[in-house]
């Protein structure tokens, strides 16, 4: 391996993937450039393990990945990175960071009772409701429910209800964040913590290499990831706006919505 390792960490929904169609076609030129230049592409998403595995196949991606907003890191055993890990799973070393799903479900129900706020977790949605809300297929909607380290939910109320629910979560031992469609109840994990752990693993395995890290996102849950990397890019959301709550030094606003902005950012950084 060369003396410089380049790692791109990317969100999926609304960033590398189109918000509505989940297509990455507008980013294909940049994806090809990364493959040709040997740049590592690490998927860092709120999606579950099984959902990300589908997109790894679609993207011909064999790299480590970060699931459920930093809930765990999956490193292919054949990848050759030595590290401490918690368990193995079908050819992957798994570094667990987040809290167990059942703990999150119990806490969600307790917070809902405590606040009296109308909120509904993904465990309570029917598959048809998830399909209607997300535009996923039935099969993909079933996979979206298979969370292990995070609990997506929706609050049926205004800003005051959201703030009250968020404040109760943040005053406990749990984290709150928001993605493109859902809010999330999590343990003490976030994307940035997982990025730092994985980069540290690379550093320990390649102590003589310089490591350049790049991050691309569009939603609030991407903020910790962008804070953790060297080069930070925010793509436009579906309506053409940027997530105004993401404020971080040296942030570059990519000129384009989702994968179109992603493509321009990567080409501008690494070339065609």
Protein backbone atom coordinates (compact mmCIF):
# COMPACT_ATOMS: atom_id res chain seq x y z
CA UNK A 1 0.00 0.00 0.00
CA UNK A 2 1.19 3.52 -0.79
CA UNK A 3 2.37 5.89 1.90
CA UNK A 4 -0.88 7.84 1.60
CA UNK A 5 -4.23 6.27 2.37
CA UNK A 6 -7.34 8.12 1.23
CA UNK A 7 -10.67 7.22 2.81
CA UNK A 8 -14.03 8.65 1.75
CA UNK A 9 -16.82 8.26 4.32
CA UNK A 10 -20.24 8.76 2.81
CA UNK A 11 -23.84 8.87 3.90
CA UNK A 12 -26.25 7.00 1.63
CA UNK A 13 -29.86 8.30 1.62
CA UNK A 14 -30.02 11.77 0.10
CA UNK A 15 -26.24 11.89 -0.38
CA UNK A 16 -24.76 9.13 -2.53
CA UNK A 17 -28.28 7.85 -3.22
CA UNK A 18 -31.10 9.95 -4.65
CA UNK A 19 -33.66 10.80 -1.95
CA UNK A 20 -36.62 9.40 -3.91
CA UNK A 21 -35.26 6.75 -6.28
CA UNK A 22 -32.29 5.50 -4.17
CA UNK A 23 -30.22 5.54 -7.37
CA UNK A 24 -26.51 6.36 -7.41
CA UNK A 25 -26.35 6.80 -11.19
CA UNK A 26 -25.57 10.53 -11.02
CA UNK A 27 -22.44 9.73 -9.01
CA UNK A 28 -21.15 6.97 -11.28
CA UNK A 29 -18.35 9.04 -12.80
CA UNK A 30 -16.95 9.89 -9.37
CA UNK A 31 -17.37 6.31 -8.13
CA UNK A 32 -15.35 5.09 -11.11
CA UNK A 33 -12.65 7.67 -10.32
CA UNK A 34 -12.37 6.45 -6.73
CA UNK A 35 -12.05 2.84 -7.87
CA UNK A 36 -9.36 3.70 -10.42
CA UNK A 37 -7.38 5.77 -7.90
CA UNK A 38 -7.59 3.17 -5.13
CA UNK A 39 -9.48 5.45 -2.75
CA UNK A 40 -11.30 3.59 0.03
CA UNK A 41 -15.07 4.20 0.06
CA UNK A 42 -16.67 3.52 3.44
CA UNK A 43 -20.46 3.59 3.59
CA UNK A 44 -21.54 5.36 6.79
CA UNK A 45 -25.30 5.23 7.06
CA UNK A 46 -28.35 5.04 9.30
CA UNK A 47 -29.32 1.91 7.38
CA UNK A 48 -29.28 -1.57 8.91
CA UNK A 49 -26.65 -4.19 8.15
CA UNK A 50 -28.78 -6.03 5.59
CA UNK A 51 -29.70 -2.80 3.80
CA UNK A 52 -26.07 -1.74 3.50
CA UNK A 53 -25.02 -5.17 2.25
CA UNK A 54 -27.41 -4.68 -0.68
CA UNK A 55 -25.81 -1.37 -1.60
CA UNK A 56 -22.29 -2.73 -1.19
CA UNK A 57 -23.21 -5.24 -3.87
CA UNK A 58 -24.76 -2.58 -6.11
CA UNK A 59 -21.65 -0.42 -5.72
CA UNK A 60 -19.18 -3.34 -6.04
CA UNK A 61 -17.86 -2.17 -2.68
CA UNK A 62 -15.72 -4.50 -0.53
CA UNK A 63 -14.67 -2.01 2.14
CA UNK A 64 -15.55 -1.82 5.84
CA UNK A 65 -18.84 -0.07 6.57
CA UNK A 66 -20.53 1.78 9.43
CA UNK A 67 -24.18 1.04 10.11
CA UNK A 68 -27.02 2.64 12.08
CA UNK A 69 -25.46 6.04 12.74
CA UNK A 70 -22.28 4.57 14.16
CA UNK A 71 -23.93 1.71 16.03
CA UNK A 72 -21.30 -0.75 14.77
CA UNK A 73 -18.40 -1.08 12.36
CA UNK A 74 -18.21 -4.09 10.04
CA UNK A 75 -14.74 -5.02 8.73
CA UNK A 76 -14.39 -7.87 6.22
CA UNK A 77 -12.15 -10.56 7.72
CA UNK A 78 -10.36 -10.88 4.36
CA UNK A 79 -9.63 -7.14 4.38
CA UNK A 80 -6.56 -7.70 6.53
CA UNK A 81 -7.11 -5.04 9.19
CA UNK A 82 -6.14 -6.31 12.62
CA UNK A 83 -8.18 -4.87 15.47
CA UNK A 84 -10.02 -5.63 18.67
CA UNK A 85 -13.57 -6.67 17.90
CA UNK A 86 -16.67 -7.85 19.77
CA UNK A 87 -17.87 -10.68 17.54
CA UNK A 88 -17.81 -12.06 14.03
CA UNK A 89 -20.74 -12.14 11.61
CA UNK A 90 -20.67 -13.98 8.29
CA UNK A 91 -17.09 -13.08 7.38
CA UNK A 92 -17.00 -9.71 9.16
CA UNK A 93 -15.28 -8.53 12.31
CA UNK A 94 -17.83 -6.48 14.23
CA UNK A 95 -16.87 -3.57 16.48
CA UNK A 96 -19.97 -2.72 18.52
CA UNK A 97 -20.48 0.84 19.75
CA UNK A 98 -24.22 1.34 20.21
CA UNK A 99 -26.78 0.07 22.69
CA UNK A 100 -28.88 -3.04 22.19
CA UNK A 101 -32.13 -2.62 20.29
CA UNK A 102 -34.36 -3.90 23.09
CA UNK A 103 -32.87 -1.39 25.53
CA UNK A 104 -33.67 1.38 23.05
CA UNK A 105 -37.24 0.14 22.57
CA UNK A 106 -37.82 0.05 26.32
CA UNK A 107 -36.37 3.53 26.75
CA UNK A 108 -38.46 4.90 23.88
CA UNK A 109 -41.65 3.61 25.47
CA UNK A 110 -40.64 5.08 28.82
CA UNK A 111 -39.89 8.50 27.29
CA UNK A 112 -43.18 8.44 25.41
CA UNK A 113 -45.07 7.73 28.64
CA UNK A 114 -43.09 10.35 30.54
CA UNK A 115 -43.67 13.12 28.00
CA UNK A 116 -47.16 12.17 26.83
CA UNK A 117 -46.05 12.99 23.29
CA UNK A 118 -47.46 11.05 20.36
CA UNK A 119 -44.48 9.29 18.77
CA UNK A 120 -44.22 6.08 16.79
CA UNK A 121 -41.14 3.90 16.36
CA UNK A 122 -40.28 1.92 13.25
CA UNK A 123 -41.09 -1.27 15.18
CA UNK A 124 -44.71 -0.13 15.30
CA UNK A 125 -45.06 0.75 11.63
CA UNK A 126 -46.58 -1.75 9.25
CA UNK A 127 -44.50 -2.65 6.23
CA UNK A 128 -47.03 -0.83 4.01
CA UNK A 129 -46.61 2.32 6.09
CA UNK A 130 -42.82 2.17 5.70
CA UNK A 131 -43.19 1.67 1.94
CA UNK A 132 -45.49 4.69 1.70
CA UNK A 133 -43.24 6.84 3.86
CA UNK A 134 -39.92 5.94 2.27
CA UNK A 135 -40.61 4.71 -1.26
CA UNK A 136 -38.76 1.48 -0.51
CA UNK A 137 -39.90 -1.84 -1.89
CA UNK A 138 -41.65 -4.27 0.46
CA UNK A 139 -38.46 -6.34 0.73
CA UNK A 140 -36.35 -3.27 1.51
CA UNK A 141 -38.91 -2.03 4.04
CA UNK A 142 -38.65 -5.32 5.91
CA UNK A 143 -34.87 -4.92 6.03
CA UNK A 144 -35.24 -1.34 7.25
CA UNK A 145 -37.07 -2.66 10.31
CA UNK A 146 -34.20 -5.01 11.20
CA UNK A 147 -32.38 -2.53 13.39
CA UNK A 148 -29.88 -3.66 16.03
CA UNK A 149 -28.36 -0.45 17.44
CA UNK A 150 -30.82 2.37 16.73
CA UNK A 151 -34.53 3.06 16.89
CA UNK A 152 -35.95 5.29 14.14
CA UNK A 153 -39.15 7.10 15.05
CA UNK A 154 -41.50 9.88 13.99
CA UNK A 155 -43.14 12.44 16.28
CA UNK A 156 -46.72 13.31 15.40
CA UNK A 157 -46.57 16.90 16.57
CA UNK A 158 -44.98 20.31 16.13
CA UNK A 159 -41.59 21.78 16.98
CA UNK A 160 -42.40 22.04 20.68
CA UNK A 161 -43.10 18.30 20.92
CA UNK A 162 -39.93 17.51 19.00
CA UNK A 163 -37.86 19.75 21.28
CA UNK A 164 -39.36 18.25 24.45
CA UNK A 165 -38.78 14.68 23.25
CA UNK A 166 -35.24 15.50 22.12
CA UNK A 167 -34.37 17.21 25.40
CA UNK A 168 -35.51 14.20 27.44
CA UNK A 169 -33.37 11.89 25.28
CA UNK A 170 -30.33 14.15 25.49
CA UNK A 171 -30.63 14.48 29.28
CA UNK A 172 -30.38 10.69 29.59
CA UNK A 173 -27.63 8.27 28.56
CA UNK A 174 -28.91 8.25 25.00
CA UNK A 175 -28.37 10.28 21.84
CA UNK A 176 -30.89 11.91 19.52
CA UNK A 177 -30.33 12.71 15.86
CA UNK A 178 -32.27 13.17 12.63
CA UNK A 179 -31.87 11.69 9.18
CA UNK A 180 -33.70 12.32 5.93
CA UNK A 181 -37.00 10.83 7.13
CA UNK A 182 -36.73 9.69 10.73
CA UNK A 183 -35.48 10.88 14.09
CA UNK A 184 -33.30 8.33 15.92
CA UNK A 185 -32.91 7.18 19.49
CA UNK A 186 -29.44 5.71 19.99
CA UNK A 187 -26.94 4.83 22.65
CA UNK A 188 -23.78 6.90 23.08
CA UNK A 189 -22.81 6.32 19.45
CA UNK A 190 -22.75 8.59 16.43
CA UNK A 191 -21.16 8.52 13.00
CA UNK A 192 -18.18 10.58 14.11
CA UNK A 193 -17.24 8.24 16.93
CA UNK A 194 -17.32 5.27 14.53
CA UNK A 195 -15.26 7.16 11.93
CA UNK A 196 -12.60 7.96 14.54
CA UNK A 197 -12.44 4.33 15.68
CA UNK A 198 -12.07 3.01 12.12
CA UNK A 199 -9.45 5.61 11.17
CA UNK A 200 -7.51 4.69 14.32
CA UNK A 201 -7.62 1.04 13.22
CA UNK A 202 -6.15 2.04 9.85
CA UNK A 203 -3.44 4.07 11.60
CA UNK A 204 -2.43 1.17 13.84
CA UNK A 205 -2.24 -1.16 10.85
CA UNK A 206 -0.34 1.34 8.66
CA UNK A 207 1.71 3.42 11.12
CA UNK A 208 3.94 4.91 8.40
CA UNK A 209 1.12 6.06 6.13
CA UNK A 210 -0.44 9.48 5.91
CA UNK A 211 -4.22 9.24 6.03
CA UNK A 212 -6.55 11.70 4.31
CA UNK A 213 -10.21 11.44 5.32
CA UNK A 214 -13.16 12.86 3.42
CA UNK A 215 -16.81 12.99 4.48
CA UNK A 216 -20.00 13.67 2.53
CA UNK A 217 -23.49 14.05 4.00
CA UNK A 218 -26.75 15.95 3.85
CA UNK A 219 -28.57 15.59 7.20
CA UNK A 220 -28.11 16.36 10.88
CA UNK A 221 -26.96 12.81 11.66
CA UNK A 222 -23.96 13.45 9.38
CA UNK A 223 -22.64 16.33 11.48
CA UNK A 224 -20.43 14.18 13.78
CA UNK A 225 -18.96 12.43 10.71
CA UNK A 226 -18.15 15.75 9.05
CA UNK A 227 -16.54 17.00 12.25
CA UNK A 228 -14.29 13.91 12.32
CA UNK A 229 -12.81 14.13 8.80
CA UNK A 230 -10.24 16.32 7.06
CA UNK A 231 -12.32 17.33 4.02
CA UNK A 232 -16.02 17.98 4.65
CA UNK A 233 -18.75 18.24 2.01
CA UNK A 234 -22.45 19.00 2.46
CA UNK A 235 -24.71 18.20 -0.49
CA UNK A 236 -28.04 19.87 -1.18
CA UNK A 237 -31.20 18.20 0.09
CA UNK A 238 -34.07 17.16 -2.16
CA UNK A 239 -35.60 20.66 -2.27
CA UNK A 240 -32.26 22.26 -3.15
CA UNK A 241 -31.47 23.61 0.31
CA UNK A 242 -28.60 22.75 2.64
CA UNK A 243 -29.15 21.43 6.18
CA UNK A 244 -28.79 24.72 8.05
CA UNK A 245 -28.08 23.06 11.41
CA UNK A 246 -24.79 21.68 10.12
CA UNK A 247 -22.18 24.23 11.06
CA UNK A 248 -18.56 23.12 11.03
CA UNK A 249 -15.27 24.81 10.14
CA UNK A 250 -13.92 24.36 6.61
CA UNK A 251 -17.21 22.94 5.33
CA UNK A 252 -17.57 22.88 1.54
CA UNK A 253 -21.08 23.20 0.14
CA UNK A 254 -21.28 20.83 -2.82
CA UNK A 255 -23.06 22.30 -5.82
CA UNK A 256 -25.79 19.77 -6.42
CA UNK A 257 -28.59 17.75 -4.89
CA UNK A 258 -27.66 14.35 -3.45
CA UNK A 259 -25.60 12.20 -5.83
CA UNK A 260 -25.16 15.06 -8.33
CA UNK A 261 -23.49 17.16 -5.64
CA UNK A 262 -21.58 14.10 -4.43
CA UNK A 263 -20.23 13.57 -7.94
CA UNK A 264 -19.06 17.17 -8.28
CA UNK A 265 -17.41 17.16 -4.86
CA UNK A 266 -15.43 13.97 -5.49
CA UNK A 267 -14.41 14.91 -9.04
CA UNK A 268 -13.33 18.34 -7.78
CA UNK A 269 -11.21 16.74 -5.05
CA UNK A 270 -9.70 13.73 -6.81
CA UNK A 271 -10.19 14.46 -10.53
CA UNK A 272 -11.90 12.34 -13.18
